[in-house]
Amino acid sequence: MGHPELFMLSIVRALVEVAMLALLGQGIVGLLSGARRQANPIYQLFAVVTRPVIRLARAITPKAIIERHVPFVAFLLLFWLWIFLAWAKRYLAG
């Protein structure tokens, strides 16, 4: 391997992508299931994957942000992290 930094950035970026897709999937399943979303096993699976990201977003957001909006904040934070990692990867590669 020529560049271990690029490899590590690729791994972190892939993990961010998985978390973003899990949040997106959880949102779609939540919309389709409606009020019964907590009983849906797919929604529960997505909730297990996204729980650490949502907890981190809750920890860094002010209390004025209501609980319902925290997954949106988490998704936006992950999106900007994903953009930053893409920029860092391009900077290290070029």
PDB file of N, CA and C in Angstrom:
ATOM      1  N   MET A   1       0.825  -1.174   0.000  1.00  0.00           N
ATOM      2  CA  MET A   1       0.000   0.000   0.000  1.00  0.00           C
ATOM      3  C   MET A   1       0.868   1.236   0.000  1.00  0.00           C
ATOM      4  N   GLY A   2       0.510   2.151  -0.850  1.00  0.00           N
ATOM      5  CA  GLY A   2       1.303   3.356  -0.957  1.00  0.00           C
ATOM      6  C   GLY A   2       0.929   4.436   0.029  1.00  0.00           C
ATOM      7  N   HIS A   3      -0.342   4.594   0.291  1.00  0.00           N
ATOM      8  CA  HIS A   3      -0.796   5.695   1.132  1.00  0.00           C
ATOM      9  C   HIS A   3      -1.778   5.195   2.193  1.00  0.00           C
ATOM     10  N   PRO A   4      -1.293   4.901   3.392  1.00  0.00           N
ATOM     11  CA  PRO A   4      -2.219   4.442   4.441  1.00  0.00           C
ATOM     12  C   PRO A   4      -3.226   5.514   4.865  1.00  0.00           C
ATOM     13  N   GLU A   5      -2.867   6.803   4.699  1.00  0.00           N
ATOM     14  CA  GLU A   5      -3.804   7.869   5.047  1.00  0.00           C
ATOM     15  C   GLU A   5      -5.031   7.834   4.146  1.00  0.00           C
ATOM     16  N   LEU A   6      -4.805   7.595   2.851  1.00  0.00           N
ATOM     17  CA  LEU A   6      -5.925   7.501   1.915  1.00  0.00           C
ATOM     18  C   LEU A   6      -6.815   6.313   2.242  1.00  0.00           C
ATOM     19  N   PHE A   7      -6.181   5.213   2.636  1.00  0.00           N
ATOM     20  CA  PHE A   7      -6.950   4.023   2.993  1.00  0.00           C
ATOM     21  C   PHE A   7      -7.823   4.288   4.217  1.00  0.00           C
ATOM     22  N   MET A   8      -7.256   4.946   5.234  1.00  0.00           N
ATOM     23  CA  MET A   8      -8.025   5.258   6.436  1.00  0.00           C
ATOM     24  C   MET A   8      -9.157   6.240   6.132  1.00  0.00           C
ATOM     25  N   LEU A   9      -8.884   7.245   5.297  1.00  0.00           N
ATOM     26  CA  LEU A   9      -9.936   8.176   4.898  1.00  0.00           C
ATOM     27  C   LEU A   9     -11.054   7.455   4.146  1.00  0.00           C
ATOM     28  N   SER A  10     -10.691   6.508   3.316  1.00  0.00           N
ATOM     29  CA  SER A  10     -11.702   5.745   2.577  1.00  0.00           C
ATOM     30  C   SER A  10     -12.567   4.920   3.523  1.00  0.00           C
ATOM     31  N   ILE A  11     -11.957   4.342   4.541  1.00  0.00           N
ATOM     32  CA  ILE A  11     -12.717   3.548   5.518  1.00  0.00           C
ATOM     33  C   ILE A  11     -13.686   4.453   6.293  1.00  0.00           C
ATOM     34  N   VAL A  12     -13.204   5.594   6.769  1.00  0.00           N
ATOM     35  CA  VAL A  12     -14.061   6.511   7.529  1.00  0.00           C
ATOM     36  C   VAL A  12     -15.179   7.038   6.643  1.00  0.00           C
ATOM     37  N   ARG A  13     -14.852   7.350   5.401  1.00  0.00           N
ATOM     38  CA  ARG A  13     -15.878   7.856   4.474  1.00  0.00           C
ATOM     39  C   ARG A  13     -16.932   6.784   4.204  1.00  0.00           C
ATOM     40  N   ALA A  14     -16.524   5.531   4.089  1.00  0.00           N
ATOM     41  CA  ALA A  14     -17.481   4.442   3.881  1.00  0.00           C
ATOM     42  C   ALA A  14     -18.395   4.279   5.097  1.00  0.00           C
ATOM     43  N   LEU A  15     -17.842   4.402   6.289  1.00  0.00           N
ATOM     44  CA  LEU A  15     -18.669   4.318   7.499  1.00  0.00           C
ATOM     45  C   LEU A  15     -19.673   5.468   7.578  1.00  0.00           C
ATOM     46  N   VAL A  16     -19.248   6.647   7.167  1.00  0.00           N
ATOM     47  CA  VAL A  16     -20.153   7.791   7.139  1.00  0.00           C
ATOM     48  C   VAL A  16     -21.265   7.550   6.122  1.00  0.00           C
ATOM     49  N   GLU A  17     -20.915   6.983   4.976  1.00  0.00           N
ATOM     50  CA  GLU A  17     -21.925   6.673   3.957  1.00  0.00           C
ATOM     51  C   GLU A  17     -22.941   5.656   4.472  1.00  0.00           C
ATOM     52  N   VAL A  18     -22.474   4.642   5.185  1.00  0.00           N
ATOM     53  CA  VAL A  18     -23.388   3.634   5.742  1.00  0.00           C
ATOM     54  C   VAL A  18     -24.343   4.291   6.737  1.00  0.00           C
ATOM     55  N   ALA A  19     -23.815   5.153   7.594  1.00  0.00           N
ATOM     56  CA  ALA A  19     -24.667   5.827   8.575  1.00  0.00           C
ATOM     57  C   ALA A  19     -25.681   6.737   7.888  1.00  0.00           C
ATOM     58  N   MET A  20     -25.258   7.442   6.840  1.00  0.00           N
ATOM     59  CA  MET A  20     -26.180   8.310   6.114  1.00  0.00           C
ATOM     60  C   MET A  20     -27.286   7.502   5.442  1.00  0.00           C
ATOM     61  N   LEU A  21     -26.919   6.407   4.816  1.00  0.00           N
ATOM     62  CA  LEU A  21     -27.924   5.573   4.153  1.00  0.00           C
ATOM     63  C   LEU A  21     -28.861   4.925   5.160  1.00  0.00           C
ATOM     64  N   ALA A  22     -28.349   4.576   6.329  1.00  0.00           N
ATOM     65  CA  ALA A  22     -29.211   4.004   7.365  1.00  0.00           C
ATOM     66  C   ALA A  22     -30.206   5.045   7.878  1.00  0.00           C
ATOM     67  N   LEU A  23     -29.760   6.287   8.055  1.00  0.00           N
ATOM     68  CA  LEU A  23     -30.681   7.345   8.462  1.00  0.00           C
ATOM     69  C   LEU A  23     -31.737   7.598   7.389  1.00  0.00           C
ATOM     70  N   LEU A  24     -31.317   7.582   6.147  1.00  0.00           N
ATOM     71  CA  LEU A  24     -32.263   7.770   5.045  1.00  0.00           C
ATOM     72  C   LEU A  24     -33.262   6.617   4.985  1.00  0.00           C
ATOM     73  N   GLY A  25     -32.765   5.399   5.128  1.00  0.00           N
ATOM     74  CA  GLY A  25     -33.648   4.231   5.134  1.00  0.00           C
ATOM     75  C   GLY A  25     -34.613   4.244   6.295  1.00  0.00           C
ATOM     76  N   GLN A  26     -34.141   4.638   7.459  1.00  0.00           N
ATOM     77  CA  GLN A  26     -35.005   4.717   8.628  1.00  0.00           C
ATOM     78  C   GLN A  26     -36.105   5.757   8.413  1.00  0.00           C
ATOM     79  N   GLY A  27     -35.748   6.865   7.798  1.00  0.00           N
ATOM     80  CA  GLY A  27     -36.743   7.893   7.521  1.00  0.00           C
ATOM     81  C   GLY A  27     -37.800   7.424   6.532  1.00  0.00           C
ATOM     82  N   ILE A  28     -37.373   6.723   5.494  1.00  0.00           N
ATOM     83  CA  ILE A  28     -38.325   6.223   4.497  1.00  0.00           C
ATOM     84  C   ILE A  28     -39.240   5.169   5.104  1.00  0.00           C
ATOM     85  N   VAL A  29     -38.671   4.227   5.854  1.00  0.00           N
ATOM     86  CA  VAL A  29     -39.497   3.198   6.496  1.00  0.00           C
ATOM     87  C   VAL A  29     -40.435   3.840   7.514  1.00  0.00           C
ATOM     88  N   GLY A  30     -39.961   4.859   8.213  1.00  0.00           N
ATOM     89  CA  GLY A  30     -40.816   5.556   9.170  1.00  0.00           C
ATOM     90  C   GLY A  30     -41.991   6.244   8.491  1.00  0.00           C
ATOM     91  N   LEU A  31     -41.746   6.828   7.333  1.00  0.00           N
ATOM     92  CA  LEU A  31     -42.834   7.456   6.586  1.00  0.00           C
ATOM     93  C   LEU A  31     -43.841   6.424   6.079  1.00  0.00           C
ATOM     94  N   LEU A  32     -43.341   5.290   5.608  1.00  0.00           N
ATOM     95  CA  LEU A  32     -44.232   4.263   5.069  1.00  0.00           C
ATOM     96  C   LEU A  32     -45.004   3.534   6.160  1.00  0.00           C
ATOM     97  N   SER A  33     -44.413   3.375   7.343  1.00  0.00           N
ATOM     98  CA  SER A  33     -45.091   2.638   8.411  1.00  0.00           C
ATOM     99  C   SER A  33     -46.031   3.500   9.228  1.00  0.00           C
ATOM    100  N   GLY A  34     -45.805   4.798   9.229  1.00  0.00           N
ATOM    101  CA  GLY A  34     -46.684   5.685   9.989  1.00  0.00           C
ATOM    102  C   GLY A  34     -46.512   5.534  11.484  1.00  0.00           C
ATOM    103  N   ALA A  35     -47.633   5.479  12.191  1.00  0.00           N
ATOM    104  CA  ALA A  35     -47.601   5.424  13.654  1.00  0.00           C
ATOM    105  C   ALA A  35     -47.097   4.084  14.176  1.00  0.00           C
ATOM    106  N   ARG A  36     -47.114   3.054  13.353  1.00  0.00           N
ATOM    107  CA  ARG A  36     -46.674   1.723  13.791  1.00  0.00           C
ATOM    108  C   ARG A  36     -45.202   1.471  13.517  1.00  0.00           C
ATOM    109  N   ARG A  37     -44.444   2.522  13.322  1.00  0.00           N
ATOM    110  CA  ARG A  37     -43.032   2.346  12.958  1.00  0.00           C
ATOM    111  C   ARG A  37     -42.218   1.636  14.030  1.00  0.00           C
ATOM    112  N   GLN A  38     -42.535   1.844  15.307  1.00  0.00           N
ATOM    113  CA  GLN A  38     -41.767   1.202  16.384  1.00  0.00           C
ATOM    114  C   GLN A  38     -41.942  -0.307  16.396  1.00  0.00           C
ATOM    115  N   ALA A  39     -43.022  -0.811  15.803  1.00  0.00           N
ATOM    116  CA  ALA A  39     -43.244  -2.261  15.734  1.00  0.00           C
ATOM    117  C   ALA A  39     -42.627  -2.879  14.486  1.00  0.00           C
ATOM    118  N   ASN A  40     -42.144  -2.056  13.580  1.00  0.00           N
ATOM    119  CA  ASN A  40     -41.571  -2.550  12.332  1.00  0.00           C
ATOM    120  C   ASN A  40     -40.142  -3.043  12.575  1.00  0.00           C
ATOM    121  N   PRO A  41     -39.828  -4.314  12.229  1.00  0.00           N
ATOM    122  CA  PRO A  41     -38.482  -4.835  12.498  1.00  0.00           C
ATOM    123  C   PRO A  41     -37.391  -4.163  11.662  1.00  0.00           C
ATOM    124  N   ILE A  42     -37.714  -3.737  10.457  1.00  0.00           N
ATOM    125  CA  ILE A  42     -36.717  -3.056   9.628  1.00  0.00           C
ATOM    126  C   ILE A  42     -36.392  -1.684  10.226  1.00  0.00           C
ATOM    127  N   TYR A  43     -37.409  -0.994  10.690  1.00  0.00           N
ATOM    128  CA  TYR A  43     -37.206   0.298  11.352  1.00  0.00           C
ATOM    129  C   TYR A  43     -36.339   0.113  12.602  1.00  0.00           C
ATOM    130  N   GLN A  44     -36.588  -0.938  13.361  1.00  0.00           N
ATOM    131  CA  GLN A  44     -35.799  -1.215  14.558  1.00  0.00           C
ATOM    132  C   GLN A  44     -34.345  -1.519  14.208  1.00  0.00           C
ATOM    133  N   LEU A  45     -34.128  -2.227  13.096  1.00  0.00           N
ATOM    134  CA  LEU A  45     -32.758  -2.513  12.650  1.00  0.00           C
ATOM    135  C   LEU A  45     -32.030  -1.221  12.298  1.00  0.00           C
ATOM    136  N   PHE A  46     -32.699  -0.364  11.544  1.00  0.00           N
ATOM    137  CA  PHE A  46     -32.102   0.928  11.220  1.00  0.00           C
ATOM    138  C   PHE A  46     -31.851   1.749  12.485  1.00  0.00           C
ATOM    139  N   ALA A  47     -32.741   1.653  13.453  1.00  0.00           N
ATOM    140  CA  ALA A  47     -32.575   2.397  14.705  1.00  0.00           C
ATOM    141  C   ALA A  47     -31.328   1.940  15.458  1.00  0.00           C
ATOM    142  N   VAL A  48     -31.032   0.655  15.408  1.00  0.00           N
ATOM    143  CA  VAL A  48     -29.817   0.141  16.068  1.00  0.00           C
ATOM    144  C   VAL A  48     -28.568   0.715  15.393  1.00  0.00           C
ATOM    145  N   VAL A  49     -28.594   0.792  14.068  1.00  0.00           N
ATOM    146  CA  VAL A  49     -27.430   1.291  13.324  1.00  0.00           C
ATOM    147  C   VAL A  49     -27.258   2.794  13.534  1.00  0.00           C
ATOM    148  N   THR A  50     -28.359   3.524  13.586  1.00  0.00           N
ATOM    149  CA  THR A  50     -28.271   4.986  13.651  1.00  0.00           C
ATOM    150  C   THR A  50     -28.217   5.544  15.069  1.00  0.00           C
ATOM    151  N   ARG A  51     -28.448   4.721  16.064  1.00  0.00           N
ATOM    152  CA  ARG A  51     -28.486   5.212  17.451  1.00  0.00           C
ATOM    153  C   ARG A  51     -27.218   5.966  17.863  1.00  0.00           C
ATOM    154  N   PRO A  52     -26.003   5.475  17.577  1.00  0.00           N
ATOM    155  CA  PRO A  52     -24.813   6.235  18.003  1.00  0.00           C
ATOM    156  C   PRO A  52     -24.712   7.614  17.342  1.00  0.00           C
ATOM    157  N   VAL A  53     -25.093   7.697  16.088  1.00  0.00           N
ATOM    158  CA  VAL A  53     -25.016   8.973  15.380  1.00  0.00           C
ATOM    159  C   VAL A  53     -26.043   9.962  15.939  1.00  0.00           C
ATOM    160  N   ILE A  54     -27.233   9.478  16.216  1.00  0.00           N
ATOM    161  CA  ILE A  54     -28.276  10.352  16.752  1.00  0.00           C
ATOM    162  C   ILE A  54     -27.916  10.804  18.168  1.00  0.00           C
ATOM    163  N   ARG A  55     -27.332   9.920  18.961  1.00  0.00           N
ATOM    164  CA  ARG A  55     -26.894  10.320  20.315  1.00  0.00           C
ATOM    165  C   ARG A  55     -25.806  11.387  20.256  1.00  0.00           C
ATOM    166  N   LEU A  56     -24.874  11.223  19.319  1.00  0.00           N
ATOM    167  CA  LEU A  56     -23.823  12.220  19.161  1.00  0.00           C
ATOM    168  C   LEU A  56     -24.408  13.555  18.720  1.00  0.00           C
ATOM    169  N   ALA A  57     -25.343  13.522  17.786  1.00  0.00           N
ATOM    170  CA  ALA A  57     -25.990  14.770  17.340  1.00  0.00           C
ATOM    171  C   ALA A  57     -26.752  15.417  18.487  1.00  0.00           C
ATOM    172  N   ARG A  58     -27.420  14.615  19.304  1.00  0.00           N
ATOM    173  CA  ARG A  58     -28.160  15.162  20.448  1.00  0.00           C
ATOM    174  C   ARG A  58     -27.198  15.803  21.445  1.00  0.00           C
ATOM    175  N   ALA A  59     -26.019  15.200  21.606  1.00  0.00           N
ATOM    176  CA  ALA A  59     -25.055  15.720  22.578  1.00  0.00           C
ATOM    177  C   ALA A  59     -24.476  17.068  22.155  1.00  0.00           C
ATOM    178  N   ILE A  60     -24.356  17.314  20.865  1.00  0.00           N
ATOM    179  CA  ILE A  60     -23.713  18.558  20.419  1.00  0.00           C
ATOM    180  C   ILE A  60     -24.712  19.640  20.018  1.00  0.00           C
ATOM    181  N   THR A  61     -26.001  19.306  19.957  1.00  0.00           N
ATOM    182  CA  THR A  61     -26.995  20.321  19.612  1.00  0.00           C
ATOM    183  C   THR A  61     -27.556  20.954  20.881  1.00  0.00           C
ATOM    184  N   PRO A  62     -27.995  22.192  20.774  1.00  0.00           N
ATOM    185  CA  PRO A  62     -28.601  22.827  21.955  1.00  0.00           C
ATOM    186  C   PRO A  62     -29.944  22.190  22.290  1.00  0.00           C
ATOM    187  N   LYS A  63     -30.366  22.378  23.518  1.00  0.00           N
ATOM    188  CA  LYS A  63     -31.634  21.789  23.978  1.00  0.00           C
ATOM    189  C   LYS A  63     -32.841  22.400  23.275  1.00  0.00           C
ATOM    190  N   ALA A  64     -32.661  23.531  22.601  1.00  0.00           N
ATOM    191  CA  ALA A  64     -33.767  24.162  21.879  1.00  0.00           C
ATOM    192  C   ALA A  64     -34.210  23.326  20.676  1.00  0.00           C
ATOM    193  N   ILE A  65     -33.338  22.471  20.180  1.00  0.00           N
ATOM    194  CA  ILE A  65     -33.679  21.583  19.063  1.00  0.00           C
ATOM    195  C   ILE A  65     -34.551  20.457  19.616  1.00  0.00           C
ATOM    196  N   ILE A  66     -35.759  20.329  19.075  1.00  0.00           N
ATOM    197  CA  ILE A  66     -36.651  19.288  19.588  1.00  0.00           C
ATOM    198  C   ILE A  66     -36.184  17.914  19.122  1.00  0.00           C
ATOM    199  N   GLU A  67     -36.561  16.897  19.861  1.00  0.00           N
ATOM    200  CA  GLU A  67     -36.080  15.530  19.634  1.00  0.00           C
ATOM    201  C   GLU A  67     -36.422  15.019  18.232  1.00  0.00           C
ATOM    202  N   ARG A  68     -37.543  15.457  17.697  1.00  0.00           N
ATOM    203  CA  ARG A  68     -37.967  15.013  16.376  1.00  0.00           C
ATOM    204  C   ARG A  68     -37.023  15.478  15.269  1.00  0.00           C
ATOM    205  N   HIS A  69     -36.306  16.586  15.493  1.00  0.00           N
ATOM    206  CA  HIS A  69     -35.425  17.151  14.475  1.00  0.00           C
ATOM    207  C   HIS A  69     -33.988  16.655  14.565  1.00  0.00           C
ATOM    208  N   VAL A  70     -33.657  15.945  15.611  1.00  0.00           N
ATOM    209  CA  VAL A  70     -32.275  15.491  15.809  1.00  0.00           C
ATOM    210  C   VAL A  70     -31.805  14.565  14.677  1.00  0.00           C
ATOM    211  N   PRO A  71     -32.619  13.628  14.164  1.00  0.00           N
ATOM    212  CA  PRO A  71     -32.139  12.824  13.027  1.00  0.00           C
ATOM    213  C   PRO A  71     -31.804  13.663  11.793  1.00  0.00           C
ATOM    214  N   PHE A  72     -32.540  14.746  11.560  1.00  0.00           N
ATOM    215  CA  PHE A  72     -32.215  15.637  10.440  1.00  0.00           C
ATOM    216  C   PHE A  72     -30.870  16.311  10.665  1.00  0.00           C
ATOM    217  N   VAL A  73     -30.646  16.751  11.890  1.00  0.00           N
ATOM    218  CA  VAL A  73     -29.364  17.367  12.236  1.00  0.00           C
ATOM    219  C   VAL A  73     -28.236  16.350  12.063  1.00  0.00           C
ATOM    220  N   ALA A  74     -28.464  15.124  12.510  1.00  0.00           N
ATOM    221  CA  ALA A  74     -27.449  14.073  12.378  1.00  0.00           C
ATOM    222  C   ALA A  74     -27.122  13.820  10.909  1.00  0.00           C
ATOM    223  N   PHE A  75     -28.152  13.781  10.069  1.00  0.00           N
ATOM    224  CA  PHE A  75     -27.925  13.556   8.641  1.00  0.00           C
ATOM    225  C   PHE A  75     -27.117  14.699   8.038  1.00  0.00           C
ATOM    226  N   LEU A  76     -27.457  15.935   8.391  1.00  0.00           N
ATOM    227  CA  LEU A  76     -26.715  17.077   7.853  1.00  0.00           C
ATOM    228  C   LEU A  76     -25.268  17.093   8.337  1.00  0.00           C
ATOM    229  N   LEU A  77     -25.052  16.742   9.594  1.00  0.00           N
ATOM    230  CA  LEU A  77     -23.677  16.659  10.102  1.00  0.00           C
ATOM    231  C   LEU A  77     -22.879  15.591   9.359  1.00  0.00           C
ATOM    232  N   LEU A  78     -23.506  14.437   9.130  1.00  0.00           N
ATOM    233  CA  LEU A  78     -22.833  13.375   8.386  1.00  0.00           C
ATOM    234  C   LEU A  78     -22.559  13.793   6.940  1.00  0.00           C
ATOM    235  N   PHE A  79     -23.520  14.501   6.351  1.00  0.00           N
ATOM    236  CA  PHE A  79     -23.324  14.959   4.980  1.00  0.00           C
ATOM    237  C   PHE A  79     -22.119  15.877   4.870  1.00  0.00           C
ATOM    238  N   TRP A  80     -22.004  16.849   5.796  1.00  0.00           N
ATOM    239  CA  TRP A  80     -20.869  17.775   5.747  1.00  0.00           C
ATOM    240  C   TRP A  80     -19.557  17.075   6.089  1.00  0.00           C
ATOM    241  N   LEU A  81     -19.614  16.095   6.965  1.00  0.00           N
ATOM    242  CA  LEU A  81     -18.419  15.295   7.245  1.00  0.00           C
ATOM    243  C   LEU A  81     -18.006  14.520   6.006  1.00  0.00           C
ATOM    244  N   TRP A  82     -18.983  13.976   5.280  1.00  0.00           N
ATOM    245  CA  TRP A  82     -18.711  13.233   4.051  1.00  0.00           C
ATOM    246  C   TRP A  82     -18.067  14.142   3.002  1.00  0.00           C
ATOM    247  N   ILE A  83     -18.564  15.374   2.875  1.00  0.00           N
ATOM    248  CA  ILE A  83     -17.981  16.345   1.937  1.00  0.00           C
ATOM    249  C   ILE A  83     -16.545  16.675   2.350  1.00  0.00           C
ATOM    250  N   PHE A  84     -16.331  16.912   3.640  1.00  0.00           N
ATOM    251  CA  PHE A  84     -14.990  17.226   4.122  1.00  0.00           C
ATOM    252  C   PHE A  84     -14.024  16.069   3.866  1.00  0.00           C
ATOM    253  N   LEU A  85     -14.472  14.837   4.096  1.00  0.00           N
ATOM    254  CA  LEU A  85     -13.607  13.679   3.857  1.00  0.00           C
ATOM    255  C   LEU A  85     -13.291  13.519   2.373  1.00  0.00           C
ATOM    256  N   ALA A  86     -14.226  13.836   1.497  1.00  0.00           N
ATOM    257  CA  ALA A  86     -13.963  13.791   0.067  1.00  0.00           C
ATOM    258  C   ALA A  86     -12.907  14.828  -0.301  1.00  0.00           C
ATOM    259  N   TRP A  87     -13.023  16.025   0.282  1.00  0.00           N
ATOM    260  CA  TRP A  87     -12.025  17.064   0.021  1.00  0.00           C
ATOM    261  C   TRP A  87     -10.654  16.622   0.555  1.00  0.00           C
ATOM    262  N   ALA A  88     -10.613  16.063   1.748  1.00  0.00           N
ATOM    263  CA  ALA A  88      -9.336  15.627   2.328  1.00  0.00           C
ATOM    264  C   ALA A  88      -8.709  14.508   1.511  1.00  0.00           C
ATOM    265  N   LYS A  89      -9.536  13.607   1.025  1.00  0.00           N
ATOM    266  CA  LYS A  89      -9.015  12.516   0.186  1.00  0.00           C
ATOM    267  C   LYS A  89      -8.429  13.047  -1.101  1.00  0.00           C
ATOM    268  N   ARG A  90      -9.125  13.992  -1.704  1.00  0.00           N
ATOM    269  CA  ARG A  90      -8.607  14.589  -2.950  1.00  0.00           C
ATOM    270  C   ARG A  90      -7.324  15.383  -2.679  1.00  0.00           C
ATOM    271  N   TYR A  91      -7.261  16.069  -1.549  1.00  0.00           N
ATOM    272  CA  TYR A  91      -6.074  16.840  -1.181  1.00  0.00           C
ATOM    273  C   TYR A  91      -4.864  15.923  -0.981  1.00  0.00           C
ATOM    274  N   LEU A  92      -5.086  14.770  -0.307  1.00  0.00           N
ATOM    275  CA  LEU A  92      -3.976  13.846  -0.064  1.00  0.00           C
ATOM    276  C   LEU A  92      -3.568  13.095  -1.334  1.00  0.00           C
ATOM    277  N   ALA A  93      -4.528  12.847  -2.208  1.00  0.00           N
ATOM    278  CA  ALA A  93      -4.226  12.083  -3.424  1.00  0.00           C
ATOM    279  C   ALA A  93      -3.542  12.935  -4.473  1.00  0.00           C
ATOM    280  N   GLY A  94      -3.803  14.202  -4.466  1.00  0.00           N
ATOM    281  CA  GLY A  94      -3.306  15.024  -5.569  1.00  0.00           C
ATOM    282  C   GLY A  94      -2.215  15.890  -5.168  1.00  0.00           C
TER     283      GLY A  94
END
